[in-house]
Every structure is written in structure tokens, then in C-alpha cells.
PDB file of N, CA and C in Angstrom:
ATOM      1  N   MET A   1       0.834  -1.173   0.000  1.00  0.00           N
ATOM      2  CA  MET A   1       0.000   0.000   0.000  1.00  0.00           C
ATOM      3  C   MET A   1       0.887   1.247   0.000  1.00  0.00           C
ATOM      4  N   PRO A   2       1.322   1.698  -1.167  1.00  0.00           N
ATOM      5  CA  PRO A   2       2.172   2.882  -1.242  1.00  0.00           C
ATOM      6  C   PRO A   2       1.415   4.158  -0.868  1.00  0.00           C
ATOM      7  N   TYR A   3       2.158   5.064  -0.251  1.00  0.00           N
ATOM      8  CA  TYR A   3       1.640   6.380   0.104  1.00  0.00           C
ATOM      9  C   TYR A   3       2.657   7.393  -0.401  1.00  0.00           C
ATOM     10  N   VAL A   4       2.216   8.279  -1.275  1.00  0.00           N
ATOM     11  CA  VAL A   4       3.084   9.308  -1.841  1.00  0.00           C
ATOM     12  C   VAL A   4       2.574  10.663  -1.371  1.00  0.00           C
ATOM     13  N   LYS A   5       3.472  11.472  -0.807  1.00  0.00           N
ATOM     14  CA  LYS A   5       3.107  12.817  -0.374  1.00  0.00           C
ATOM     15  C   LYS A   5       3.891  13.817  -1.207  1.00  0.00           C
ATOM     16  N   ILE A   6       3.168  14.692  -1.866  1.00  0.00           N
ATOM     17  CA  ILE A   6       3.772  15.735  -2.691  1.00  0.00           C
ATOM     18  C   ILE A   6       3.464  17.072  -2.021  1.00  0.00           C
ATOM     19  N   GLU A   7       4.495  17.848  -1.754  1.00  0.00           N
ATOM     20  CA  GLU A   7       4.304  19.168  -1.168  1.00  0.00           C
ATOM     21  C   GLU A   7       4.770  20.223  -2.160  1.00  0.00           C
ATOM     22  N   VAL A   8       3.910  21.195  -2.399  1.00  0.00           N
ATOM     23  CA  VAL A   8       4.222  22.302  -3.299  1.00  0.00           C
ATOM     24  C   VAL A   8       3.790  23.596  -2.623  1.00  0.00           C
ATOM     25  N   THR A   9       4.352  24.707  -3.073  1.00  0.00           N
ATOM     26  CA  THR A   9       3.878  25.978  -2.552  1.00  0.00           C
ATOM     27  C   THR A   9       2.518  26.291  -3.157  1.00  0.00           C
ATOM     28  N   ARG A  10       1.712  26.983  -2.387  1.00  0.00           N
ATOM     29  CA  ARG A  10       0.348  27.309  -2.811  1.00  0.00           C
ATOM     30  C   ARG A  10       0.408  28.521  -3.731  1.00  0.00           C
ATOM     31  N   GLU A  11       0.462  28.244  -5.009  1.00  0.00           N
ATOM     32  CA  GLU A  11       0.579  29.339  -5.975  1.00  0.00           C
ATOM     33  C   GLU A  11      -0.265  29.101  -7.213  1.00  0.00           C
ATOM     34  N   GLY A  12      -1.346  28.415  -7.034  1.00  0.00           N
ATOM     35  CA  GLY A  12      -2.267  28.301  -8.154  1.00  0.00           C
ATOM     36  C   GLY A  12      -2.126  27.068  -9.017  1.00  0.00           C
ATOM     37  N   ALA A  13      -1.639  25.961  -8.463  1.00  0.00           N
ATOM     38  CA  ALA A  13      -1.670  24.718  -9.241  1.00  0.00           C
ATOM     39  C   ALA A  13      -3.135  24.417  -9.531  1.00  0.00           C
ATOM     40  N   THR A  14      -3.428  24.170 -10.766  1.00  0.00           N
ATOM     41  CA  THR A  14      -4.825  23.946 -11.140  1.00  0.00           C
ATOM     42  C   THR A  14      -5.285  22.557 -10.728  1.00  0.00           C
ATOM     43  N   ARG A  15      -6.575  22.375 -10.714  1.00  0.00           N
ATOM     44  CA  ARG A  15      -7.170  21.064 -10.434  1.00  0.00           C
ATOM     45  C   ARG A  15      -6.651  20.025 -11.433  1.00  0.00           C
ATOM     46  N   GLU A  16      -6.529  20.443 -12.691  1.00  0.00           N
ATOM     47  CA  GLU A  16      -6.045  19.535 -13.732  1.00  0.00           C
ATOM     48  C   GLU A  16      -4.583  19.147 -13.499  1.00  0.00           C
ATOM     49  N   GLN A  17      -3.760  20.098 -13.094  1.00  0.00           N
ATOM     50  CA  GLN A  17      -2.350  19.804 -12.815  1.00  0.00           C
ATOM     51  C   GLN A  17      -2.215  18.836 -11.642  1.00  0.00           C
ATOM     52  N   LYS A  18      -3.008  19.059 -10.604  1.00  0.00           N
ATOM     53  CA  LYS A  18      -2.954  18.162  -9.447  1.00  0.00           C
ATOM     54  C   LYS A  18      -3.448  16.766  -9.820  1.00  0.00           C
ATOM     55  N   ALA A  19      -4.471  16.694 -10.633  1.00  0.00           N
ATOM     56  CA  ALA A  19      -4.955  15.389 -11.099  1.00  0.00           C
ATOM     57  C   ALA A  19      -3.872  14.671 -11.902  1.00  0.00           C
ATOM     58  N   ALA A  20      -3.133  15.430 -12.723  1.00  0.00           N
ATOM     59  CA  ALA A  20      -2.051  14.839 -13.516  1.00  0.00           C
ATOM     60  C   ALA A  20      -0.930  14.328 -12.618  1.00  0.00           C
ATOM     61  N   LEU A  21      -0.619  15.053 -11.548  1.00  0.00           N
ATOM     62  CA  LEU A  21       0.391  14.587 -10.594  1.00  0.00           C
ATOM     63  C   LEU A  21      -0.040  13.290  -9.928  1.00  0.00           C
ATOM     64  N   ILE A  22      -1.291  13.234  -9.509  1.00  0.00           N
ATOM     65  CA  ILE A  22      -1.809  12.025  -8.860  1.00  0.00           C
ATOM     66  C   ILE A  22      -1.766  10.847  -9.827  1.00  0.00           C
ATOM     67  N   LYS A  23      -2.223  11.058 -11.032  1.00  0.00           N
ATOM     68  CA  LYS A  23      -2.222   9.989 -12.037  1.00  0.00           C
ATOM     69  C   LYS A  23      -0.795   9.541 -12.359  1.00  0.00           C
ATOM     70  N   GLY A  24       0.097  10.510 -12.555  1.00  0.00           N
ATOM     71  CA  GLY A  24       1.476  10.189 -12.919  1.00  0.00           C
ATOM     72  C   GLY A  24       2.214   9.441 -11.820  1.00  0.00           C
ATOM     73  N   ALA A  25       2.040   9.877 -10.574  1.00  0.00           N
ATOM     74  CA  ALA A  25       2.703   9.195  -9.457  1.00  0.00           C
ATOM     75  C   ALA A  25       2.191   7.767  -9.316  1.00  0.00           C
ATOM     76  N   THR A  26       0.880   7.605  -9.476  1.00  0.00           N
ATOM     77  CA  THR A  26       0.292   6.262  -9.403  1.00  0.00           C
ATOM     78  C   THR A  26       0.828   5.378 -10.516  1.00  0.00           C
ATOM     79  N   GLU A  27       0.833   5.887 -11.739  1.00  0.00           N
ATOM     80  CA  GLU A  27       1.335   5.110 -12.877  1.00  0.00           C
ATOM     81  C   GLU A  27       2.803   4.729 -12.703  1.00  0.00           C
ATOM     82  N   LEU A  28       3.601   5.628 -12.144  1.00  0.00           N
ATOM     83  CA  LEU A  28       5.012   5.340 -11.919  1.00  0.00           C
ATOM     84  C   LEU A  28       5.183   4.166 -10.958  1.00  0.00           C
ATOM     85  N   LEU A  29       4.416   4.157  -9.878  1.00  0.00           N
ATOM     86  CA  LEU A  29       4.505   3.055  -8.911  1.00  0.00           C
ATOM     87  C   LEU A  29       4.023   1.740  -9.517  1.00  0.00           C
ATOM     88  N   VAL A  30       3.036   1.806 -10.392  1.00  0.00           N
ATOM     89  CA  VAL A  30       2.566   0.602 -11.079  1.00  0.00           C
ATOM     90  C   VAL A  30       3.657   0.076 -12.007  1.00  0.00           C
ATOM     91  N   GLN A  31       4.256   0.965 -12.803  1.00  0.00           N
ATOM     92  CA  GLN A  31       5.259   0.566 -13.791  1.00  0.00           C
ATOM     93  C   GLN A  31       6.562   0.091 -13.153  1.00  0.00           C
ATOM     94  N   VAL A  32       7.051   0.805 -12.157  1.00  0.00           N
ATOM     95  CA  VAL A  32       8.372   0.521 -11.595  1.00  0.00           C
ATOM     96  C   VAL A  32       8.323  -0.566 -10.525  1.00  0.00           C
ATOM     97  N   LEU A  33       7.308  -0.506  -9.671  1.00  0.00           N
ATOM     98  CA  LEU A  33       7.259  -1.440  -8.538  1.00  0.00           C
ATOM     99  C   LEU A  33       6.114  -2.442  -8.619  1.00  0.00           C
ATOM    100  N   ASN A  34       5.356  -2.399  -9.723  1.00  0.00           N
ATOM    101  CA  ASN A  34       4.240  -3.321  -9.922  1.00  0.00           C
ATOM    102  C   ASN A  34       3.210  -3.219  -8.791  1.00  0.00           C
ATOM    103  N   LYS A  35       2.948  -2.000  -8.330  1.00  0.00           N
ATOM    104  CA  LYS A  35       1.987  -1.785  -7.248  1.00  0.00           C
ATOM    105  C   LYS A  35       0.565  -1.715  -7.798  1.00  0.00           C
ATOM    106  N   ASN A  36      -0.368  -2.076  -6.974  1.00  0.00           N
ATOM    107  CA  ASN A  36      -1.776  -2.046  -7.336  1.00  0.00           C
ATOM    108  C   ASN A  36      -2.279  -0.608  -7.231  1.00  0.00           C
ATOM    109  N   PRO A  37      -2.777  -0.025  -8.323  1.00  0.00           N
ATOM    110  CA  PRO A  37      -3.244   1.356  -8.253  1.00  0.00           C
ATOM    111  C   PRO A  37      -4.432   1.535  -7.294  1.00  0.00           C
ATOM    112  N   ALA A  38      -5.189   0.484  -7.074  1.00  0.00           N
ATOM    113  CA  ALA A  38      -6.343   0.579  -6.177  1.00  0.00           C
ATOM    114  C   ALA A  38      -5.938   0.787  -4.721  1.00  0.00           C
ATOM    115  N   THR A  39      -4.696   0.451  -4.400  1.00  0.00           N
ATOM    116  CA  THR A  39      -4.219   0.621  -3.024  1.00  0.00           C
ATOM    117  C   THR A  39      -3.043   1.595  -2.946  1.00  0.00           C
ATOM    118  N   THR A  40      -2.928   2.457  -3.949  1.00  0.00           N
ATOM    119  CA  THR A  40      -1.876   3.468  -3.982  1.00  0.00           C
ATOM    120  C   THR A  40      -2.500   4.826  -3.665  1.00  0.00           C
ATOM    121  N   PHE A  41      -1.959   5.482  -2.650  1.00  0.00           N
ATOM    122  CA  PHE A  41      -2.494   6.752  -2.186  1.00  0.00           C
ATOM    123  C   PHE A  41      -1.520   7.874  -2.526  1.00  0.00           C
ATOM    124  N   VAL A  42      -2.038   8.956  -3.071  1.00  0.00           N
ATOM    125  CA  VAL A  42      -1.239  10.137  -3.384  1.00  0.00           C
ATOM    126  C   VAL A  42      -1.924  11.341  -2.741  1.00  0.00           C
ATOM    127  N   VAL A  43      -1.167  12.093  -1.956  1.00  0.00           N
ATOM    128  CA  VAL A  43      -1.694  13.267  -1.271  1.00  0.00           C
ATOM    129  C   VAL A  43      -0.861  14.478  -1.684  1.00  0.00           C
ATOM    130  N   ILE A  44      -1.530  15.548  -2.052  1.00  0.00           N
ATOM    131  CA  ILE A  44      -0.848  16.791  -2.396  1.00  0.00           C
ATOM    132  C   ILE A  44      -1.158  17.815  -1.318  1.00  0.00           C
ATOM    133  N   ASP A  45      -0.119  18.311  -0.664  1.00  0.00           N
ATOM    134  CA  ASP A  45      -0.249  19.376   0.325  1.00  0.00           C
ATOM    135  C   ASP A  45       0.250  20.667  -0.299  1.00  0.00           C
ATOM    136  N   GLU A  46      -0.560  21.704  -0.214  1.00  0.00           N
ATOM    137  CA  GLU A  46      -0.160  23.010  -0.704  1.00  0.00           C
ATOM    138  C   GLU A  46       0.203  23.881   0.501  1.00  0.00           C
ATOM    139  N   VAL A  47       1.423  24.383   0.503  1.00  0.00           N
ATOM    140  CA  VAL A  47       1.951  25.136   1.629  1.00  0.00           C
ATOM    141  C   VAL A  47       2.080  26.605   1.238  1.00  0.00           C
ATOM    142  N   ASP A  48       1.590  27.478   2.095  1.00  0.00           N
ATOM    143  CA  ASP A  48       1.720  28.908   1.858  1.00  0.00           C
ATOM    144  C   ASP A  48       3.204  29.286   1.809  1.00  0.00           C
ATOM    145  N   THR A  49       3.560  30.218   0.947  1.00  0.00           N
ATOM    146  CA  THR A  49       4.971  30.597   0.801  1.00  0.00           C
ATOM    147  C   THR A  49       5.543  31.231   2.060  1.00  0.00           C
ATOM    148  N   ASP A  50       4.673  31.721   2.965  1.00  0.00           N
ATOM    149  CA  ASP A  50       5.148  32.215   4.263  1.00  0.00           C
ATOM    150  C   ASP A  50       5.585  31.067   5.172  1.00  0.00           C
ATOM    151  N   ASN A  51       5.146  29.871   4.861  1.00  0.00           N
ATOM    152  CA  ASN A  51       5.447  28.698   5.682  1.00  0.00           C
ATOM    153  C   ASN A  51       6.484  27.772   5.056  1.00  0.00           C
ATOM    154  N   TRP A  52       7.145  28.229   4.006  1.00  0.00           N
ATOM    155  CA  TRP A  52       8.154  27.424   3.312  1.00  0.00           C
ATOM    156  C   TRP A  52       9.438  28.241   3.316  1.00  0.00           C
ATOM    157  N   GLY A  53      10.495  27.691   3.883  1.00  0.00           N
ATOM    158  CA  GLY A  53      11.736  28.443   3.983  1.00  0.00           C
ATOM    159  C   GLY A  53      12.877  27.795   3.231  1.00  0.00           C
ATOM    160  N   ILE A  54      13.763  28.639   2.732  1.00  0.00           N
ATOM    161  CA  ILE A  54      14.985  28.211   2.055  1.00  0.00           C
ATOM    162  C   ILE A  54      16.110  29.103   2.564  1.00  0.00           C
ATOM    163  N   ALA A  55      17.175  28.501   3.016  1.00  0.00           N
ATOM    164  CA  ALA A  55      18.353  29.254   3.466  1.00  0.00           C
ATOM    165  C   ALA A  55      18.012  30.301   4.525  1.00  0.00           C
ATOM    166  N   GLY A  56      17.080  29.967   5.400  1.00  0.00           N
ATOM    167  CA  GLY A  56      16.750  30.856   6.500  1.00  0.00           C
ATOM    168  C   GLY A  56      15.745  31.945   6.183  1.00  0.00           C
ATOM    169  N   GLU A  57      15.174  31.935   4.999  1.00  0.00           N
ATOM    170  CA  GLU A  57      14.194  32.946   4.620  1.00  0.00           C
ATOM    171  C   GLU A  57      12.948  32.284   4.059  1.00  0.00           C
ATOM    172  N   THR A  58      11.821  32.982   4.194  1.00  0.00           N
ATOM    173  CA  THR A  58      10.601  32.446   3.593  1.00  0.00           C
ATOM    174  C   THR A  58      10.657  32.612   2.075  1.00  0.00           C
ATOM    175  N   VAL A  59       9.942  31.773   1.400  1.00  0.00           N
ATOM    176  CA  VAL A  59       9.855  31.883  -0.055  1.00  0.00           C
ATOM    177  C   VAL A  59       9.215  33.214  -0.435  1.00  0.00           C
ATOM    178  N   THR A  60       8.262  33.668   0.361  1.00  0.00           N
ATOM    179  CA  THR A  60       7.635  34.971   0.099  1.00  0.00           C
ATOM    180  C   THR A  60       8.682  36.077   0.039  1.00  0.00           C
ATOM    181  N   SER A  61       9.565  36.119   1.043  1.00  0.00           N
ATOM    182  CA  SER A  61      10.620  37.146   1.085  1.00  0.00           C
ATOM    183  C   SER A  61      11.574  37.014  -0.081  1.00  0.00           C
ATOM    184  N   LEU A  62      11.988  35.803  -0.362  1.00  0.00           N
ATOM    185  CA  LEU A  62      12.925  35.587  -1.479  1.00  0.00           C
ATOM    186  C   LEU A  62      12.331  36.052  -2.802  1.00  0.00           C
ATOM    187  N   ARG A  63      11.070  35.754  -3.025  1.00  0.00           N
ATOM    188  CA  ARG A  63      10.451  36.134  -4.298  1.00  0.00           C
ATOM    189  C   ARG A  63      10.214  37.633  -4.386  1.00  0.00           C
ATOM    190  N   LYS A  64       9.878  38.272  -3.288  1.00  0.00           N
ATOM    191  CA  LYS A  64       9.713  39.730  -3.303  1.00  0.00           C
ATOM    192  C   LYS A  64      11.029  40.411  -3.649  1.00  0.00           C
ATOM    193  N   ARG A  65      12.123  39.920  -3.094  1.00  0.00           N
ATOM    194  CA  ARG A  65      13.429  40.495  -3.342  1.00  0.00           C
ATOM    195  C   ARG A  65      13.863  40.281  -4.790  1.00  0.00           C
ATOM    196  N   ALA A  66      13.429  39.172  -5.389  1.00  0.00           N
ATOM    197  CA  ALA A  66      13.830  38.863  -6.757  1.00  0.00           C
ATOM    198  C   ALA A  66      13.131  39.739  -7.794  1.00  0.00           C
ATOM    199  N   LEU A  67      12.055  40.394  -7.388  1.00  0.00           N
ATOM    200  CA  LEU A  67      11.310  41.243  -8.351  1.00  0.00           C
ATOM    201  C   LEU A  67      12.026  42.490  -8.657  1.00  0.00           C
TER     202      LEU A  67
END
């Protein structure tokens, strides 16, 4: 029973894009590890950029500075 967790920043991934991620991750586990898609779970967590840090700074701050 595979469980895949995908975390991305919350910046407008569409419903279609998230569906494609779920489908693709499931298909990969079927192809590579011969897992049953009926028992393969994929969860996408969207994290606010204020809650995601890189090198001691939030992604929000880094992106504001890059503008």
C-alpha cells in the first residue's frame, strides 16, 4: 500500500495539474514497482509561501526580493 506525499507551494496549481500529478505518481509506482493502483495513495499538500523556507528565509521574502 504505497503512500506518496507531494508538497508544493500554494501558488495556483490547477485542479487539472494536481490530477495529472496524482495519475502520474500512481502510474510510476505501477510501472516501476508493480503496485496495485487501487491501493496506492497520493496526497498533495499546498503550503503557503510564508510557511516554506529556504536558506533561513521564507519563499515569500525571497520572491519579493527577486522582483
